[in-house]
Amino acid sequence: MKDVRIIKRYQNRKLYDTFQSCYVTLEEIAQIIREGHEIQVIDNKSKNDITYMTQIQLLFDQERKSLKPGNTELLKRVIRSEEGTLTGYIGGLEGKLNLTFDIPAAAINAEIPAFVANLNSSMENSATLN
């Protein structure tokens, strides 16, 4: 199991990564998570765990910066769902489909090269058929 990286949020809203001993942005925290690290964000004054709210803020920030138009129909379904939250909606889907989305990032990353190789091979084969 990997160690949890502690991020402290100060009153000035700055985020401090105690592992790297430097301030980080939401995008840098997203990269830390993409790399498979676990994080915990702590409000430095109250000592409350604010990891969930920070990750929601991170998702909002990424959606805001996205060049692709958002799916308003999906958002309506989330809002109309029983809990009215994104995590509640996904949890409901997991239950209905009898699935869990707890796939380790390392497992996904291990599959990507094979997927790309198969995709390239399929494209080459289709090119030779034409």
C-alpha atoms as a PDB file:
ATOM      1  CA  MET A   1       0.000   0.000   0.000  1.00  0.00           C
ATOM      2  CA  LYS A   2       1.286   3.455  -0.883  1.00  0.00           C
ATOM      3  CA  ASP A   3       1.654   6.129   1.738  1.00  0.00           C
ATOM      4  CA  VAL A   4      -0.986   8.821   1.827  1.00  0.00           C
ATOM      5  CA  ARG A   5       0.336  12.189   0.731  1.00  0.00           C
ATOM      6  CA  ILE A   6      -0.845  14.917   3.055  1.00  0.00           C
ATOM      7  CA  ILE A   7      -1.860  18.222   1.502  1.00  0.00           C
ATOM      8  CA  LYS A   8      -2.508  21.101   3.888  1.00  0.00           C
ATOM      9  CA  ARG A   9      -4.916  23.865   2.934  1.00  0.00           C
ATOM     10  CA  TYR A  10      -4.131  27.180   4.540  1.00  0.00           C
ATOM     11  CA  GLN A  11      -6.518  30.079   5.218  1.00  0.00           C
ATOM     12  CA  ASN A  12      -5.256  31.874   2.116  1.00  0.00           C
ATOM     13  CA  ARG A  13      -6.509  28.809   0.156  1.00  0.00           C
ATOM     14  CA  LYS A  14      -3.001  27.757  -0.771  1.00  0.00           C
ATOM     15  CA  LEU A  15      -2.394  24.024  -0.868  1.00  0.00           C
ATOM     16  CA  TYR A  16       0.873  22.716   0.568  1.00  0.00           C
ATOM     17  CA  ASP A  17       2.173  19.228  -0.285  1.00  0.00           C
ATOM     18  CA  THR A  18       4.029  18.031   2.805  1.00  0.00           C
ATOM     19  CA  PHE A  19       5.743  15.256   0.784  1.00  0.00           C
ATOM     20  CA  GLN A  20       7.341  17.642  -1.730  1.00  0.00           C
ATOM     21  CA  SER A  21       7.541  20.546   0.762  1.00  0.00           C
ATOM     22  CA  CYS A  22       6.034  23.029  -1.666  1.00  0.00           C
ATOM     23  CA  TYR A  23       2.786  24.692  -2.643  1.00  0.00           C
ATOM     24  CA  VAL A  24       0.742  22.903  -5.315  1.00  0.00           C
ATOM     25  CA  THR A  25      -2.142  23.769  -7.598  1.00  0.00           C
ATOM     26  CA  LEU A  26      -5.319  21.770  -8.151  1.00  0.00           C
ATOM     27  CA  GLU A  27      -3.875  20.595 -11.482  1.00  0.00           C
ATOM     28  CA  GLU A  28      -0.755  19.327  -9.711  1.00  0.00           C
ATOM     29  CA  ILE A  29      -2.939  17.477  -7.200  1.00  0.00           C
ATOM     30  CA  ALA A  30      -4.835  15.924 -10.131  1.00  0.00           C
ATOM     31  CA  GLN A  31      -1.506  14.725 -11.549  1.00  0.00           C
ATOM     32  CA  ILE A  32      -0.534  13.224  -8.176  1.00  0.00           C
ATOM     33  CA  ILE A  33      -3.824  11.290  -8.157  1.00  0.00           C
ATOM     34  CA  ARG A  34      -3.392  10.208 -11.818  1.00  0.00           C
ATOM     35  CA  GLU A  35       0.013   8.799 -10.875  1.00  0.00           C
ATOM     36  CA  GLY A  36      -1.776   6.486  -8.445  1.00  0.00           C
ATOM     37  CA  HIS A  37      -0.919   8.226  -5.184  1.00  0.00           C
ATOM     38  CA  GLU A  38      -3.419   8.523  -2.376  1.00  0.00           C
ATOM     39  CA  ILE A  39      -3.942  11.996  -0.954  1.00  0.00           C
ATOM     40  CA  GLN A  40      -5.543  13.481   2.103  1.00  0.00           C
ATOM     41  CA  VAL A  41      -6.277  17.189   2.253  1.00  0.00           C
ATOM     42  CA  ILE A  42      -6.403  18.700   5.723  1.00  0.00           C
ATOM     43  CA  ASP A  43      -7.590  22.192   6.629  1.00  0.00           C
ATOM     44  CA  ASN A  44      -4.590  23.492   8.553  1.00  0.00           C
ATOM     45  CA  LYS A  45      -6.637  25.606  10.999  1.00  0.00           C
ATOM     46  CA  SER A  46      -9.529  23.265  11.854  1.00  0.00           C
ATOM     47  CA  LYS A  47      -7.649  19.998  11.137  1.00  0.00           C
ATOM     48  CA  ASN A  48     -10.768  18.759   9.289  1.00  0.00           C
ATOM     49  CA  ASP A  49     -10.370  16.336   6.394  1.00  0.00           C
ATOM     50  CA  ILE A  50     -11.439  18.240   3.283  1.00  0.00           C
ATOM     51  CA  THR A  51     -10.253  15.695   0.708  1.00  0.00           C
ATOM     52  CA  TYR A  52     -13.714  15.133  -0.774  1.00  0.00           C
ATOM     53  CA  MET A  53     -14.477  18.825  -1.237  1.00  0.00           C
ATOM     54  CA  THR A  54     -11.027  19.445  -2.713  1.00  0.00           C
ATOM     55  CA  GLN A  55     -11.498  16.635  -5.220  1.00  0.00           C
ATOM     56  CA  ILE A  56     -14.944  17.986  -6.165  1.00  0.00           C
ATOM     57  CA  GLN A  57     -13.355  21.404  -6.659  1.00  0.00           C
ATOM     58  CA  LEU A  58     -10.664  19.762  -8.788  1.00  0.00           C
ATOM     59  CA  LEU A  59     -13.286  18.084 -10.988  1.00  0.00           C
ATOM     60  CA  PHE A  60     -15.178  21.352 -11.351  1.00  0.00           C
ATOM     61  CA  ASP A  61     -11.967  23.125 -12.339  1.00  0.00           C
ATOM     62  CA  GLN A  62     -11.206  20.478 -14.969  1.00  0.00           C
ATOM     63  CA  GLU A  63     -14.754  20.618 -16.350  1.00  0.00           C
ATOM     64  CA  ARG A  64     -14.570  24.400 -16.528  1.00  0.00           C
ATOM     65  CA  LYS A  65     -11.318  24.238 -18.513  1.00  0.00           C
ATOM     66  CA  SER A  66     -12.519  21.475 -20.846  1.00  0.00           C
ATOM     67  CA  LEU A  67     -12.832  22.382 -24.507  1.00  0.00           C
ATOM     68  CA  LYS A  68     -15.543  19.768 -25.050  1.00  0.00           C
ATOM     69  CA  PRO A  69     -19.155  20.762 -24.394  1.00  0.00           C
ATOM     70  CA  GLY A  70     -20.564  19.272 -21.214  1.00  0.00           C
ATOM     71  CA  ASN A  71     -23.359  16.721 -21.144  1.00  0.00           C
ATOM     72  CA  THR A  72     -26.304  18.580 -19.632  1.00  0.00           C
ATOM     73  CA  GLU A  73     -28.579  15.537 -19.913  1.00  0.00           C
ATOM     74  CA  LEU A  74     -26.194  13.559 -17.698  1.00  0.00           C
ATOM     75  CA  LEU A  75     -26.146  16.386 -15.169  1.00  0.00           C
ATOM     76  CA  LYS A  76     -29.951  16.456 -15.104  1.00  0.00           C
ATOM     77  CA  ARG A  77     -30.010  12.706 -14.398  1.00  0.00           C
ATOM     78  CA  VAL A  78     -27.533  13.215 -11.553  1.00  0.00           C
ATOM     79  CA  ILE A  79     -29.575  16.068 -10.072  1.00  0.00           C
ATOM     80  CA  ARG A  80     -32.806  14.071 -10.389  1.00  0.00           C
ATOM     81  CA  SER A  81     -31.273  10.958  -8.847  1.00  0.00           C
ATOM     82  CA  GLU A  82     -32.265   9.873  -5.356  1.00  0.00           C
ATOM     83  CA  GLU A  83     -29.353  11.596  -3.614  1.00  0.00           C
ATOM     84  CA  GLY A  84     -28.880  14.345  -6.180  1.00  0.00           C
ATOM     85  CA  THR A  85     -25.100  13.997  -5.998  1.00  0.00           C
ATOM     86  CA  LEU A  86     -22.531  12.712  -8.460  1.00  0.00           C
ATOM     87  CA  THR A  87     -21.161  10.156  -6.016  1.00  0.00           C
ATOM     88  CA  GLY A  88     -24.691   9.037  -5.126  1.00  0.00           C
ATOM     89  CA  TYR A  89     -25.556   8.645  -8.815  1.00  0.00           C
ATOM     90  CA  ILE A  90     -22.419   6.595  -9.542  1.00  0.00           C
ATOM     91  CA  GLY A  91     -22.996   4.522  -6.414  1.00  0.00           C
ATOM     92  CA  GLY A  92     -26.537   3.820  -7.622  1.00  0.00           C
ATOM     93  CA  LEU A  93     -25.192   2.723 -10.999  1.00  0.00           C
ATOM     94  CA  GLU A  94     -22.710   0.416  -9.297  1.00  0.00           C
ATOM     95  CA  GLY A  95     -25.544  -1.162  -7.323  1.00  0.00           C
ATOM     96  CA  LYS A  96     -27.840  -1.546 -10.324  1.00  0.00           C
ATOM     97  CA  LEU A  97     -25.099  -3.034 -12.468  1.00  0.00           C
ATOM     98  CA  ASN A  98     -23.680  -5.059  -9.577  1.00  0.00           C
ATOM     99  CA  LEU A  99     -20.271  -3.535 -10.304  1.00  0.00           C
ATOM    100  CA  THR A 100     -17.618  -1.628  -8.476  1.00  0.00           C
ATOM    101  CA  PHE A 101     -15.357   0.909 -10.082  1.00  0.00           C
ATOM    102  CA  ASP A 102     -12.471   0.192  -7.720  1.00  0.00           C
ATOM    103  CA  ILE A 103     -10.050  -0.702 -10.509  1.00  0.00           C
ATOM    104  CA  PRO A 104      -6.500   0.177  -9.475  1.00  0.00           C
ATOM    105  CA  ALA A 105      -4.866   2.772 -11.715  1.00  0.00           C
ATOM    106  CA  ALA A 106      -1.870   0.457 -12.127  1.00  0.00           C
ATOM    107  CA  ALA A 107      -4.126  -2.226 -13.638  1.00  0.00           C
ATOM    108  CA  ILE A 108      -5.608   0.247 -16.089  1.00  0.00           C
ATOM    109  CA  ASN A 109      -2.175   1.624 -17.007  1.00  0.00           C
ATOM    110  CA  ALA A 110      -0.894  -1.916 -17.583  1.00  0.00           C
ATOM    111  CA  GLU A 111      -3.669  -2.528 -20.128  1.00  0.00           C
ATOM    112  CA  ILE A 112      -3.158   0.648 -22.151  1.00  0.00           C
ATOM    113  CA  PRO A 113      -0.053  -0.475 -24.143  1.00  0.00           C
ATOM    114  CA  ALA A 114      -1.771  -3.724 -25.210  1.00  0.00           C
ATOM    115  CA  PHE A 115      -4.915  -1.802 -26.169  1.00  0.00           C
ATOM    116  CA  VAL A 116      -2.927   0.679 -28.269  1.00  0.00           C
ATOM    117  CA  ALA A 117      -0.955  -2.146 -29.914  1.00  0.00           C
ATOM    118  CA  ASN A 118      -4.196  -3.948 -30.809  1.00  0.00           C
ATOM    119  CA  LEU A 119      -5.708  -0.732 -32.106  1.00  0.00           C
ATOM    120  CA  ASN A 120      -2.646  -0.012 -34.253  1.00  0.00           C
ATOM    121  CA  SER A 121      -2.642  -3.591 -35.549  1.00  0.00           C
ATOM    122  CA  SER A 122      -6.351  -3.346 -36.440  1.00  0.00           C
ATOM    123  CA  MET A 123      -5.775  -0.075 -38.243  1.00  0.00           C
ATOM    124  CA  GLU A 124      -2.819  -1.527 -40.194  1.00  0.00           C
ATOM    125  CA  ASN A 125      -4.872  -4.591 -41.175  1.00  0.00           C
ATOM    126  CA  SER A 126      -7.762  -2.424 -42.309  1.00  0.00           C
ATOM    127  CA  ALA A 127      -5.382  -0.276 -44.372  1.00  0.00           C
ATOM    128  CA  THR A 128      -3.980  -3.322 -46.164  1.00  0.00           C
ATOM    129  CA  LEU A 129      -7.480  -4.525 -46.988  1.00  0.00           C
ATOM    130  CA  ASN A 130      -8.334  -1.266 -48.760  1.00  0.00           C
END
